[in-house]
Amino acid sequence: MTIASILGAIVIGAVVGAIGRLLLPGRQAIGWILTVVVGIVAALIGTAIAQVLGVATTNGIDWIELVMQVVLAAVGVGLVAGLKRSRV
C-alpha cells in the first residue's frame, strides 16, 4: 500500500462520510474525524460488496459502488451517533 493510496482512501472516506452525514436529518453528535473514519470503513465495505455482486469497474466513476458507499456511510454515521448519544 502506497502513501498515495492511503491519502486517496482518506479523501474518498471524507467525501463519502460527509455525504452520508448530510443525508441524515437532524444533528449528529460525532466529530469530523469520526465521520471520516466511518466514511473510510463504508467506502471499503461498499467496494467489497460491489465486487462480490459483480459490479464492473470502469475508468470513470462507478455510480453503483458510490451509492453503496454513501448509503453505508449514512447508516454508519447514524449508528455511531446513536451509540454516542446512548452513552451520555
C-alpha atoms as a PDB file:
ATOM      1  CA  MET A   1       0.000   0.000   0.000  1.00  0.00           C
ATOM      2  CA  THR A   2       1.474   3.328  -1.028  1.00  0.00           C
ATOM      3  CA  ILE A   3       1.180   6.788   0.511  1.00  0.00           C
ATOM      4  CA  ALA A   4      -0.952   7.863  -2.449  1.00  0.00           C
ATOM      5  CA  SER A   5      -3.449   5.040  -1.923  1.00  0.00           C
ATOM      6  CA  ILE A   6      -3.684   5.817   1.808  1.00  0.00           C
ATOM      7  CA  LEU A   7      -4.260   9.511   1.103  1.00  0.00           C
ATOM      8  CA  GLY A   8      -6.790   8.575  -1.578  1.00  0.00           C
ATOM      9  CA  ALA A   9      -8.690   6.391   0.890  1.00  0.00           C
ATOM     10  CA  ILE A  10      -8.757   9.238   3.414  1.00  0.00           C
ATOM     11  CA  VAL A  11     -10.049  11.729   0.840  1.00  0.00           C
ATOM     12  CA  ILE A  12     -12.675   9.344  -0.524  1.00  0.00           C
ATOM     13  CA  GLY A  13     -13.658   8.378   3.029  1.00  0.00           C
ATOM     14  CA  ALA A  14     -14.036  12.030   3.980  1.00  0.00           C
ATOM     15  CA  VAL A  15     -16.245  12.750   0.982  1.00  0.00           C
ATOM     16  CA  VAL A  16     -18.340   9.592   1.405  1.00  0.00           C
ATOM     17  CA  GLY A  17     -18.681  10.206   5.153  1.00  0.00           C
ATOM     18  CA  ALA A  18     -19.666  13.839   4.656  1.00  0.00           C
ATOM     19  CA  ILE A  19     -22.295  12.976   2.042  1.00  0.00           C
ATOM     20  CA  GLY A  20     -23.641  10.180   4.233  1.00  0.00           C
ATOM     21  CA  ARG A  21     -23.840  12.586   7.164  1.00  0.00           C
ATOM     22  CA  LEU A  22     -25.644  15.202   5.079  1.00  0.00           C
ATOM     23  CA  LEU A  23     -28.298  12.646   4.130  1.00  0.00           C
ATOM     24  CA  LEU A  24     -29.273  12.130   7.772  1.00  0.00           C
ATOM     25  CA  PRO A  25     -31.872  14.503   9.220  1.00  0.00           C
ATOM     26  CA  GLY A  26     -31.044  16.465  12.349  1.00  0.00           C
ATOM     27  CA  ARG A  27     -27.735  16.922  14.083  1.00  0.00           C
ATOM     28  CA  GLN A  28     -25.291  14.076  14.692  1.00  0.00           C
ATOM     29  CA  ALA A  29     -23.205  14.221  17.832  1.00  0.00           C
ATOM     30  CA  ILE A  30     -19.974  12.976  16.256  1.00  0.00           C
ATOM     31  CA  GLY A  31     -16.931  14.920  15.141  1.00  0.00           C
ATOM     32  CA  TRP A  32     -15.434  15.215  11.705  1.00  0.00           C
ATOM     33  CA  ILE A  33     -12.605  12.749  12.428  1.00  0.00           C
ATOM     34  CA  LEU A  34     -15.092  10.025  13.368  1.00  0.00           C
ATOM     35  CA  THR A  35     -17.144  10.936  10.278  1.00  0.00           C
ATOM     36  CA  VAL A  36     -14.051  10.401   8.106  1.00  0.00           C
ATOM     37  CA  VAL A  37     -13.302   7.073   9.813  1.00  0.00           C
ATOM     38  CA  VAL A  38     -16.889   5.909   9.249  1.00  0.00           C
ATOM     39  CA  GLY A  39     -16.613   7.086   5.629  1.00  0.00           C
ATOM     40  CA  ILE A  40     -13.393   5.146   5.059  1.00  0.00           C
ATOM     41  CA  VAL A  41     -14.902   1.971   6.509  1.00  0.00           C
ATOM     42  CA  ALA A  42     -18.072   2.482   4.450  1.00  0.00           C
ATOM     43  CA  ALA A  43     -16.004   3.017   1.292  1.00  0.00           C
ATOM     44  CA  LEU A  44     -14.036  -0.185   1.874  1.00  0.00           C
ATOM     45  CA  ILE A  45     -17.137  -2.256   2.661  1.00  0.00           C
ATOM     46  CA  GLY A  46     -19.053  -0.726  -0.270  1.00  0.00           C
ATOM     47  CA  THR A  47     -16.230  -1.587  -2.651  1.00  0.00           C
ATOM     48  CA  ALA A  48     -16.082  -5.161  -1.335  1.00  0.00           C
ATOM     49  CA  ILE A  49     -19.856  -5.599  -1.715  1.00  0.00           C
ATOM     50  CA  ALA A  50     -19.752  -4.174  -5.245  1.00  0.00           C
ATOM     51  CA  GLN A  51     -17.006  -6.632  -6.214  1.00  0.00           C
ATOM     52  CA  VAL A  52     -18.922  -9.565  -4.726  1.00  0.00           C
ATOM     53  CA  LEU A  53     -22.058  -8.514  -6.633  1.00  0.00           C
ATOM     54  CA  GLY A  54     -20.061  -8.295  -9.855  1.00  0.00           C
ATOM     55  CA  VAL A  55     -20.343  -4.541 -10.412  1.00  0.00           C
ATOM     56  CA  ALA A  56     -17.940  -3.811 -13.243  1.00  0.00           C
ATOM     57  CA  THR A  57     -15.028  -1.463 -12.593  1.00  0.00           C
ATOM     58  CA  THR A  58     -14.986   1.413 -15.081  1.00  0.00           C
ATOM     59  CA  ASN A  59     -12.470   4.098 -15.966  1.00  0.00           C
ATOM     60  CA  GLY A  60     -14.812   6.800 -14.678  1.00  0.00           C
ATOM     61  CA  ILE A  61     -16.983   6.979 -11.595  1.00  0.00           C
ATOM     62  CA  ASP A  62     -18.595   3.713 -10.536  1.00  0.00           C
ATOM     63  CA  TRP A  63     -22.001   5.130  -9.621  1.00  0.00           C
ATOM     64  CA  ILE A  64     -23.463   1.907  -8.209  1.00  0.00           C
ATOM     65  CA  GLU A  65     -20.447   1.428  -5.969  1.00  0.00           C
ATOM     66  CA  LEU A  66     -20.556   5.096  -4.911  1.00  0.00           C
ATOM     67  CA  VAL A  67     -24.237   4.845  -3.962  1.00  0.00           C
ATOM     68  CA  MET A  68     -23.496   1.734  -1.884  1.00  0.00           C
ATOM     69  CA  GLN A  69     -20.674   3.555  -0.112  1.00  0.00           C
ATOM     70  CA  VAL A  70     -22.791   6.634   0.668  1.00  0.00           C
ATOM     71  CA  VAL A  71     -25.707   4.555   1.961  1.00  0.00           C
ATOM     72  CA  LEU A  72     -23.343   2.555   4.170  1.00  0.00           C
ATOM     73  CA  ALA A  73     -21.778   5.801   5.416  1.00  0.00           C
ATOM     74  CA  ALA A  74     -25.210   7.218   6.301  1.00  0.00           C
ATOM     75  CA  VAL A  75     -26.077   4.033   8.188  1.00  0.00           C
ATOM     76  CA  GLY A  76     -22.679   4.052   9.897  1.00  0.00           C
ATOM     77  CA  VAL A  77     -22.901   7.699  10.946  1.00  0.00           C
ATOM     78  CA  GLY A  78     -26.418   7.077  12.274  1.00  0.00           C
ATOM     79  CA  LEU A  79     -25.281   4.059  14.266  1.00  0.00           C
ATOM     80  CA  VAL A  80     -22.217   5.790  15.708  1.00  0.00           C
ATOM     81  CA  ALA A  81     -24.214   8.912  16.593  1.00  0.00           C
ATOM     82  CA  GLY A  82     -26.846   6.735  18.263  1.00  0.00           C
ATOM     83  CA  LEU A  83     -24.224   4.848  20.252  1.00  0.00           C
ATOM     84  CA  LYS A  84     -22.574   8.071  21.398  1.00  0.00           C
ATOM     85  CA  ARG A  85     -25.948   9.523  22.363  1.00  0.00           C
ATOM     86  CA  SER A  86     -26.871   6.458  24.419  1.00  0.00           C
ATOM     87  CA  ARG A  87     -23.587   6.640  26.382  1.00  0.00           C
ATOM     88  CA  VAL A  88     -24.140  10.225  27.514  1.00  0.00           C
END
